Amino acid sequence: MECTINWGGPQGMLFVAQTGSGHIAAMDGAPEGGGNNLAPRPMELLLAGTGGCTAYDVVLILKRGRHAVTGCSVKLQAERADTDPKVFTSIHFTFTVTGKNLSRTVVERAIALSHDKYCSASAMLAHTAKITWSADIIDEAPAAADNA
């Protein structure tokens, strides 16, 4: 895996990353740090990548188990150290998983497998951050017909 980062020039702190797979992502800084606030901060992208990594795992695990998953989102809330390096010190993942007849046990098992075994990003961040998670499950199973 590789990635190349190019600085946008002396008018700010815009950087463009080109990944080995040929995709691009822009990053910028806050105005007080010389940036122009045109793109996410690098640490925001790190957090977003971690969310994408674990959401990918959860959906894949549920689909492979032939569960009727129709949606998955995860909101990450992180705290950082006050001093440099300002590493993440805690991250809470709130998953919302939608599907038909999904049991809490199955969804929580998928989330736990992601965090304990498969998600490389959260495994790395767990070296500096306390990782916690919770899950909300939305059942899309059709309501029973009213016989009245």
N, C-alpha and C. Protein backbone atom coordinates (compact mmCIF):
# COMPACT_ATOMS: atom_id res chain seq x y z
N MET A 1 0.86 -1.17 0.00
CA MET A 1 0.00 0.00 0.00
C MET A 1 0.90 1.23 0.00
N GLU A 2 0.48 2.21 -0.77
CA GLU A 2 1.25 3.46 -0.81
C GLU A 2 0.32 4.64 -1.00
N CYS A 3 0.86 5.82 -0.72
CA CYS A 3 0.10 7.06 -0.83
C CYS A 3 1.10 8.19 -1.03
N THR A 4 0.76 9.15 -1.90
CA THR A 4 1.61 10.31 -2.12
C THR A 4 0.82 11.55 -1.72
N ILE A 5 1.45 12.43 -0.96
CA ILE A 5 0.82 13.65 -0.49
C ILE A 5 1.52 14.84 -1.15
N ASN A 6 0.73 15.74 -1.75
CA ASN A 6 1.28 16.94 -2.38
C ASN A 6 0.68 18.18 -1.74
N TRP A 7 1.55 19.11 -1.40
CA TRP A 7 1.14 20.39 -0.82
C TRP A 7 0.61 21.28 -1.92
N GLY A 8 -0.48 22.00 -1.64
CA GLY A 8 -1.12 22.88 -2.61
C GLY A 8 -0.38 24.19 -2.84
N GLY A 9 0.60 24.51 -2.06
CA GLY A 9 1.39 25.71 -2.29
C GLY A 9 1.33 26.72 -1.15
N PRO A 10 2.05 27.82 -1.32
CA PRO A 10 2.27 28.77 -0.24
C PRO A 10 1.05 29.58 0.19
N GLN A 11 -0.07 29.45 -0.50
CA GLN A 11 -1.27 30.21 -0.11
C GLN A 11 -2.05 29.51 1.00
N GLY A 12 -1.56 28.44 1.54
CA GLY A 12 -2.31 27.77 2.61
C GLY A 12 -1.70 26.45 3.01
N MET A 13 -2.54 25.61 3.57
CA MET A 13 -2.11 24.30 4.07
C MET A 13 -2.94 23.18 3.46
N LEU A 14 -3.32 23.36 2.18
CA LEU A 14 -4.07 22.33 1.48
C LEU A 14 -3.12 21.25 1.00
N PHE A 15 -3.46 20.01 1.26
CA PHE A 15 -2.68 18.86 0.81
C PHE A 15 -3.62 17.91 0.08
N VAL A 16 -3.13 17.30 -0.98
CA VAL A 16 -3.92 16.33 -1.73
C VAL A 16 -3.17 15.00 -1.69
N ALA A 17 -3.88 13.97 -1.24
CA ALA A 17 -3.31 12.63 -1.18
C ALA A 17 -3.78 11.86 -2.40
N GLN A 18 -2.87 11.14 -3.04
CA GLN A 18 -3.25 10.21 -4.09
C GLN A 18 -2.84 8.82 -3.62
N THR A 19 -3.83 7.94 -3.57
CA THR A 19 -3.59 6.60 -3.04
C THR A 19 -3.03 5.69 -4.14
N GLY A 20 -2.48 4.59 -3.71
CA GLY A 20 -1.95 3.61 -4.65
C GLY A 20 -3.01 3.05 -5.58
N SER A 21 -4.27 3.10 -5.15
CA SER A 21 -5.37 2.61 -6.00
C SER A 21 -5.88 3.71 -6.92
N GLY A 22 -5.24 4.89 -6.91
CA GLY A 22 -5.56 5.94 -7.85
C GLY A 22 -6.62 6.94 -7.39
N HIS A 23 -7.00 6.92 -6.13
CA HIS A 23 -8.01 7.85 -5.63
C HIS A 23 -7.35 9.04 -4.96
N ILE A 24 -8.11 10.13 -4.82
CA ILE A 24 -7.57 11.31 -4.18
C ILE A 24 -8.42 11.72 -2.98
N ALA A 25 -7.79 12.37 -2.05
CA ALA A 25 -8.46 12.95 -0.88
C ALA A 25 -7.74 14.24 -0.54
N ALA A 26 -8.52 15.27 -0.29
CA ALA A 26 -7.95 16.57 0.07
C ALA A 26 -7.98 16.74 1.58
N MET A 27 -7.00 17.47 2.11
CA MET A 27 -6.92 17.79 3.53
C MET A 27 -6.51 19.26 3.64
N ASP A 28 -7.01 19.93 4.67
CA ASP A 28 -6.64 21.33 4.88
C ASP A 28 -6.60 21.59 6.38
N GLY A 29 -6.08 22.73 6.73
CA GLY A 29 -5.99 23.14 8.12
C GLY A 29 -6.96 24.26 8.43
N ALA A 30 -7.09 24.51 9.71
CA ALA A 30 -7.91 25.63 10.19
C ALA A 30 -7.19 26.94 9.87
N PRO A 31 -7.93 28.04 9.71
CA PRO A 31 -7.29 29.33 9.42
C PRO A 31 -6.23 29.72 10.45
N GLU A 32 -6.46 29.42 11.73
CA GLU A 32 -5.47 29.78 12.75
C GLU A 32 -4.18 29.00 12.61
N GLY A 33 -4.19 27.93 11.81
CA GLY A 33 -2.97 27.16 11.55
C GLY A 33 -2.43 27.40 10.16
N GLY A 34 -2.94 28.42 9.48
CA GLY A 34 -2.45 28.74 8.15
C GLY A 34 -3.26 28.12 7.01
N GLY A 35 -4.30 27.36 7.37
CA GLY A 35 -5.13 26.73 6.35
C GLY A 35 -6.26 27.63 5.90
N ASN A 36 -7.04 27.13 4.95
CA ASN A 36 -8.18 27.88 4.43
C ASN A 36 -9.50 27.15 4.68
N ASN A 37 -9.47 26.10 5.48
CA ASN A 37 -10.68 25.36 5.85
C ASN A 37 -11.43 24.85 4.62
N LEU A 38 -10.70 24.35 3.62
CA LEU A 38 -11.31 23.88 2.38
C LEU A 38 -11.61 22.39 2.36
N ALA A 39 -11.09 21.66 3.33
CA ALA A 39 -11.23 20.20 3.33
C ALA A 39 -11.09 19.71 4.77
N PRO A 40 -11.38 18.44 5.00
CA PRO A 40 -11.23 17.90 6.36
C PRO A 40 -9.77 17.97 6.83
N ARG A 41 -9.62 18.01 8.14
CA ARG A 41 -8.29 17.94 8.74
C ARG A 41 -7.76 16.50 8.58
N PRO A 42 -6.45 16.31 8.55
CA PRO A 42 -5.91 14.96 8.45
C PRO A 42 -6.41 14.02 9.55
N MET A 43 -6.52 14.50 10.78
CA MET A 43 -7.00 13.64 11.87
C MET A 43 -8.48 13.29 11.70
N GLU A 44 -9.26 14.19 11.08
CA GLU A 44 -10.66 13.86 10.79
C GLU A 44 -10.73 12.72 9.78
N LEU A 45 -9.83 12.74 8.78
CA LEU A 45 -9.81 11.66 7.81
C LEU A 45 -9.38 10.34 8.44
N LEU A 46 -8.47 10.42 9.40
CA LEU A 46 -8.07 9.22 10.12
C LEU A 46 -9.27 8.63 10.87
N LEU A 47 -10.03 9.48 11.52
CA LEU A 47 -11.22 9.04 12.24
C LEU A 47 -12.26 8.48 11.26
N ALA A 48 -12.47 9.18 10.14
CA ALA A 48 -13.42 8.72 9.13
C ALA A 48 -13.00 7.37 8.55
N GLY A 49 -11.73 7.21 8.30
CA GLY A 49 -11.23 5.93 7.79
C GLY A 49 -11.48 4.79 8.75
N THR A 50 -11.33 5.08 10.03
CA THR A 50 -11.59 4.06 11.05
C THR A 50 -13.07 3.68 11.06
N GLY A 51 -13.94 4.67 10.95
CA GLY A 51 -15.37 4.39 10.88
C GLY A 51 -15.72 3.59 9.65
N GLY A 52 -15.13 3.94 8.51
CA GLY A 52 -15.38 3.19 7.29
C GLY A 52 -14.89 1.76 7.39
N CYS A 53 -13.73 1.57 8.01
CA CYS A 53 -13.16 0.23 8.16
C CYS A 53 -14.09 -0.67 8.98
N THR A 54 -14.56 -0.19 10.11
CA THR A 54 -15.39 -1.03 10.97
C THR A 54 -16.80 -1.21 10.39
N ALA A 55 -17.37 -0.17 9.75
CA ALA A 55 -18.69 -0.32 9.14
C ALA A 55 -18.63 -1.35 8.01
N TYR A 56 -17.58 -1.32 7.23
CA TYR A 56 -17.36 -2.29 6.16
C TYR A 56 -17.37 -3.71 6.74
N ASP A 57 -16.61 -3.90 7.82
CA ASP A 57 -16.56 -5.22 8.47
C ASP A 57 -17.93 -5.68 8.92
N VAL A 58 -18.66 -4.80 9.60
CA VAL A 58 -19.96 -5.17 10.16
C VAL A 58 -20.93 -5.59 9.06
N VAL A 59 -20.99 -4.81 7.99
CA VAL A 59 -21.89 -5.16 6.88
C VAL A 59 -21.46 -6.49 6.25
N LEU A 60 -20.17 -6.66 6.02
CA LEU A 60 -19.67 -7.89 5.40
C LEU A 60 -19.97 -9.11 6.27
N ILE A 61 -19.74 -8.99 7.56
CA ILE A 61 -20.01 -10.11 8.48
C ILE A 61 -21.49 -10.47 8.46
N LEU A 62 -22.36 -9.47 8.51
CA LEU A 62 -23.80 -9.73 8.51
C LEU A 62 -24.25 -10.32 7.17
N LYS A 63 -23.73 -9.80 6.06
CA LYS A 63 -24.11 -10.34 4.75
C LYS A 63 -23.62 -11.77 4.58
N ARG A 64 -22.40 -12.05 5.02
CA ARG A 64 -21.87 -13.42 4.90
C ARG A 64 -22.66 -14.40 5.75
N GLY A 65 -23.25 -13.89 6.84
CA GLY A 65 -24.09 -14.72 7.69
C GLY A 65 -25.52 -14.81 7.17
N ARG A 66 -25.75 -14.24 5.99
CA ARG A 66 -27.06 -14.26 5.32
C ARG A 66 -28.15 -13.55 6.14
N HIS A 67 -27.72 -12.51 6.85
CA HIS A 67 -28.69 -11.70 7.59
C HIS A 67 -29.17 -10.58 6.68
N ALA A 68 -30.41 -10.18 6.83
CA ALA A 68 -31.03 -9.19 5.95
C ALA A 68 -30.70 -7.77 6.40
N VAL A 69 -29.44 -7.40 6.28
CA VAL A 69 -29.01 -6.04 6.64
C VAL A 69 -29.29 -5.12 5.45
N THR A 70 -29.91 -3.97 5.72
CA THR A 70 -30.23 -3.02 4.65
C THR A 70 -29.57 -1.66 4.86
N GLY A 71 -29.00 -1.43 6.04
CA GLY A 71 -28.34 -0.15 6.29
C GLY A 71 -27.39 -0.24 7.46
N CYS A 72 -26.37 0.57 7.42
CA CYS A 72 -25.41 0.62 8.53
C CYS A 72 -24.76 2.00 8.53
N SER A 73 -24.80 2.64 9.68
CA SER A 73 -24.06 3.89 9.85
C SER A 73 -23.36 3.82 11.20
N VAL A 74 -22.29 4.56 11.31
CA VAL A 74 -21.57 4.62 12.57
C VAL A 74 -21.12 6.06 12.80
N LYS A 75 -21.42 6.58 13.98
CA LYS A 75 -20.99 7.91 14.37
C LYS A 75 -19.84 7.75 15.36
N LEU A 76 -18.74 8.41 15.11
CA LEU A 76 -17.59 8.33 15.98
C LEU A 76 -17.43 9.64 16.73
N GLN A 77 -17.24 9.54 18.03
CA GLN A 77 -16.97 10.70 18.87
C GLN A 77 -15.64 10.45 19.56
N ALA A 78 -14.68 11.34 19.32
CA ALA A 78 -13.32 11.11 19.79
C ALA A 78 -12.84 12.27 20.66
N GLU A 79 -11.98 11.93 21.59
CA GLU A 79 -11.26 12.91 22.41
C GLU A 79 -9.78 12.77 22.08
N ARG A 80 -9.09 13.90 22.12
CA ARG A 80 -7.65 13.89 21.84
C ARG A 80 -6.87 14.43 23.03
N ALA A 81 -5.61 14.05 23.10
CA ALA A 81 -4.72 14.54 24.15
C ALA A 81 -4.57 16.05 24.02
N ASP A 82 -4.33 16.71 25.13
CA ASP A 82 -4.18 18.16 25.14
C ASP A 82 -2.79 18.62 24.67
N THR A 83 -1.81 17.72 24.74
CA THR A 83 -0.44 18.08 24.37
C THR A 83 0.02 17.25 23.19
N ASP A 84 1.02 17.75 22.49
CA ASP A 84 1.57 17.05 21.32
C ASP A 84 2.32 15.79 21.74
N PRO A 85 2.24 14.73 21.01
CA PRO A 85 1.35 14.53 19.87
C PRO A 85 -0.09 14.35 20.36
N LYS A 86 -1.01 15.03 19.74
CA LYS A 86 -2.41 15.03 20.19
C LYS A 86 -3.14 13.80 19.66
N VAL A 87 -2.73 12.66 20.20
CA VAL A 87 -3.31 11.38 19.79
C VAL A 87 -4.75 11.26 20.29
N PHE A 88 -5.50 10.37 19.67
CA PHE A 88 -6.83 10.07 20.18
C PHE A 88 -6.67 9.33 21.50
N THR A 89 -7.42 9.77 22.51
CA THR A 89 -7.37 9.12 23.82
C THR A 89 -8.62 8.30 24.11
N SER A 90 -9.72 8.62 23.45
CA SER A 90 -10.93 7.81 23.56
C SER A 90 -11.75 7.99 22.29
N ILE A 91 -12.38 6.90 21.87
CA ILE A 91 -13.26 6.94 20.70
C ILE A 91 -14.47 6.09 21.01
N HIS A 92 -15.65 6.67 20.86
CA HIS A 92 -16.90 5.91 21.02
C HIS A 92 -17.56 5.80 19.66
N PHE A 93 -17.91 4.57 19.29
CA PHE A 93 -18.58 4.27 18.03
C PHE A 93 -20.05 3.99 18.34
N THR A 94 -20.96 4.73 17.72
CA THR A 94 -22.39 4.44 17.85
C THR A 94 -22.88 3.92 16.51
N PHE A 95 -23.16 2.63 16.46
CA PHE A 95 -23.63 1.98 15.24
C PHE A 95 -25.15 2.04 15.17
N THR A 96 -25.68 2.29 13.99
CA THR A 96 -27.11 2.14 13.72
C THR A 96 -27.20 1.15 12.56
N VAL A 97 -27.75 -0.02 12.85
CA VAL A 97 -27.84 -1.08 11.85
C VAL A 97 -29.32 -1.34 11.57
N THR A 98 -29.66 -1.32 10.30
CA THR A 98 -31.04 -1.51 9.87
C THR A 98 -31.15 -2.81 9.10
N GLY A 99 -32.27 -3.51 9.29
CA GLY A 99 -32.49 -4.75 8.55
C GLY A 99 -33.78 -5.41 8.97
N LYS A 100 -33.96 -6.59 8.43
CA LYS A 100 -35.17 -7.36 8.72
C LYS A 100 -34.82 -8.50 9.68
N ASN A 101 -35.47 -8.49 10.83
CA ASN A 101 -35.32 -9.53 11.85
C ASN A 101 -33.87 -9.71 12.31
N LEU A 102 -33.15 -8.62 12.46
CA LEU A 102 -31.77 -8.69 12.97
C LEU A 102 -31.83 -8.78 14.49
N SER A 103 -31.20 -9.79 15.03
CA SER A 103 -31.17 -9.90 16.50
C SER A 103 -30.02 -9.06 17.04
N ARG A 104 -30.20 -8.56 18.24
CA ARG A 104 -29.16 -7.78 18.91
C ARG A 104 -27.89 -8.62 19.05
N THR A 105 -28.05 -9.89 19.36
CA THR A 105 -26.89 -10.77 19.54
C THR A 105 -26.06 -10.85 18.26
N VAL A 106 -26.71 -11.00 17.11
CA VAL A 106 -26.01 -11.12 15.84
C VAL A 106 -25.29 -9.81 15.50
N VAL A 107 -25.96 -8.68 15.67
CA VAL A 107 -25.36 -7.38 15.35
C VAL A 107 -24.19 -7.10 16.29
N GLU A 108 -24.37 -7.32 17.57
CA GLU A 108 -23.28 -7.06 18.52
C GLU A 108 -22.10 -7.99 18.29
N ARG A 109 -22.35 -9.22 17.87
CA ARG A 109 -21.27 -10.15 17.55
C ARG A 109 -20.47 -9.62 16.36
N ALA A 110 -21.17 -9.11 15.33
CA ALA A 110 -20.49 -8.56 14.15
C ALA A 110 -19.62 -7.36 14.54
N ILE A 111 -20.14 -6.49 15.38
CA ILE A 111 -19.38 -5.31 15.83
C ILE A 111 -18.16 -5.76 16.64
N ALA A 112 -18.37 -6.69 17.55
CA ALA A 112 -17.26 -7.18 18.38
C ALA A 112 -16.18 -7.84 17.51
N LEU A 113 -16.59 -8.63 16.52
CA LEU A 113 -15.60 -9.25 15.62
C LEU A 113 -14.79 -8.20 14.87
N SER A 114 -15.47 -7.15 14.42
CA SER A 114 -14.75 -6.09 13.74
C SER A 114 -13.69 -5.49 14.65
N HIS A 115 -14.09 -5.12 15.86
CA HIS A 115 -13.16 -4.45 16.77
C HIS A 115 -12.10 -5.38 17.35
N ASP A 116 -12.45 -6.64 17.57
CA ASP A 116 -11.51 -7.56 18.21
C ASP A 116 -10.60 -8.28 17.23
N LYS A 117 -11.04 -8.40 15.95
CA LYS A 117 -10.30 -9.24 15.03
C LYS A 117 -9.97 -8.62 13.68
N TYR A 118 -10.90 -7.90 13.08
CA TYR A 118 -10.73 -7.52 11.67
C TYR A 118 -10.33 -6.08 11.38
N CYS A 119 -10.80 -5.11 12.14
CA CYS A 119 -10.58 -3.70 11.78
C CYS A 119 -9.16 -3.26 12.15
N SER A 120 -8.32 -3.15 11.15
CA SER A 120 -6.92 -2.76 11.37
C SER A 120 -6.82 -1.35 11.94
N ALA A 121 -7.68 -0.46 11.48
CA ALA A 121 -7.62 0.94 11.92
C ALA A 121 -7.94 1.06 13.41
N SER A 122 -9.03 0.45 13.85
CA SER A 122 -9.36 0.56 15.28
C SER A 122 -8.35 -0.20 16.14
N ALA A 123 -7.77 -1.27 15.61
CA ALA A 123 -6.74 -2.00 16.36
C ALA A 123 -5.52 -1.10 16.59
N MET A 124 -5.13 -0.32 15.59
CA MET A 124 -4.00 0.59 15.76
C MET A 124 -4.34 1.70 16.75
N LEU A 125 -5.52 2.28 16.60
CA LEU A 125 -5.90 3.39 17.49
C LEU A 125 -6.11 2.92 18.93
N ALA A 126 -6.42 1.66 19.12
CA ALA A 126 -6.61 1.13 20.48
C ALA A 126 -5.33 1.18 21.31
N HIS A 127 -4.20 1.41 20.66
CA HIS A 127 -2.93 1.54 21.40
C HIS A 127 -2.85 2.85 22.16
N THR A 128 -3.62 3.86 21.75
CA THR A 128 -3.61 5.14 22.45
C THR A 128 -4.98 5.54 22.97
N ALA A 129 -6.04 4.95 22.41
CA ALA A 129 -7.39 5.39 22.74
C ALA A 129 -8.20 4.26 23.38
N LYS A 130 -9.02 4.64 24.34
CA LYS A 130 -9.99 3.70 24.89
C LYS A 130 -11.12 3.60 23.87
N ILE A 131 -11.37 2.41 23.36
CA ILE A 131 -12.39 2.19 22.34
C ILE A 131 -13.65 1.62 23.00
N THR A 132 -14.78 2.29 22.78
CA THR A 132 -16.07 1.79 23.26
C THR A 132 -17.07 1.86 22.11
N TRP A 133 -18.14 1.09 22.22
CA TRP A 133 -19.15 1.14 21.18
C TRP A 133 -20.52 0.80 21.74
N SER A 134 -21.54 1.23 21.01
CA SER A 134 -22.92 0.89 21.32
C SER A 134 -23.63 0.65 20.00
N ALA A 135 -24.80 0.00 20.07
CA ALA A 135 -25.52 -0.32 18.84
C ALA A 135 -27.00 -0.04 18.99
N ASP A 136 -27.55 0.57 17.95
CA ASP A 136 -29.00 0.73 17.81
C ASP A 136 -29.40 -0.11 16.61
N ILE A 137 -30.48 -0.86 16.76
CA ILE A 137 -30.94 -1.72 15.68
C ILE A 137 -32.33 -1.27 15.28
N ILE A 138 -32.51 -1.05 13.99
CA ILE A 138 -33.81 -0.66 13.46
C ILE A 138 -34.34 -1.83 12.65
N ASP A 139 -35.48 -2.37 13.08
CA ASP A 139 -36.07 -3.53 12.43
C ASP A 139 -37.03 -3.07 11.34
N GLU A 140 -36.79 -3.52 10.12
CA GLU A 140 -37.65 -3.19 9.00
C GLU A 140 -38.64 -4.30 8.68
N ALA A 141 -38.76 -5.27 9.59
CA ALA A 141 -39.71 -6.37 9.36
C ALA A 141 -41.10 -5.78 9.26
N PRO A 142 -41.92 -6.28 8.32
CA PRO A 142 -43.28 -5.75 8.20
C PRO A 142 -44.07 -5.99 9.48
N ALA A 143 -44.84 -4.99 9.85
CA ALA A 143 -45.69 -5.12 11.04
C ALA A 143 -46.77 -6.17 10.77
N ALA A 144 -47.16 -6.87 11.81
CA ALA A 144 -48.21 -7.88 11.69
C ALA A 144 -49.51 -7.21 11.25
N ALA A 145 -50.23 -7.88 10.36
CA ALA A 145 -51.50 -7.32 9.86
C ALA A 145 -52.52 -7.27 10.98
N ASP A 146 -53.24 -6.19 11.02
CA ASP A 146 -54.31 -6.02 12.03
C ASP A 146 -55.52 -6.81 11.61
N ASN A 147 -56.03 -7.68 12.44
CA ASN A 147 -57.19 -8.52 12.11
C ASN A 147 -58.49 -7.89 12.55
N ALA A 148 -58.50 -6.64 12.91
CA ALA A 148 -59.73 -5.99 13.40
C ALA A 148 -60.64 -5.60 12.28
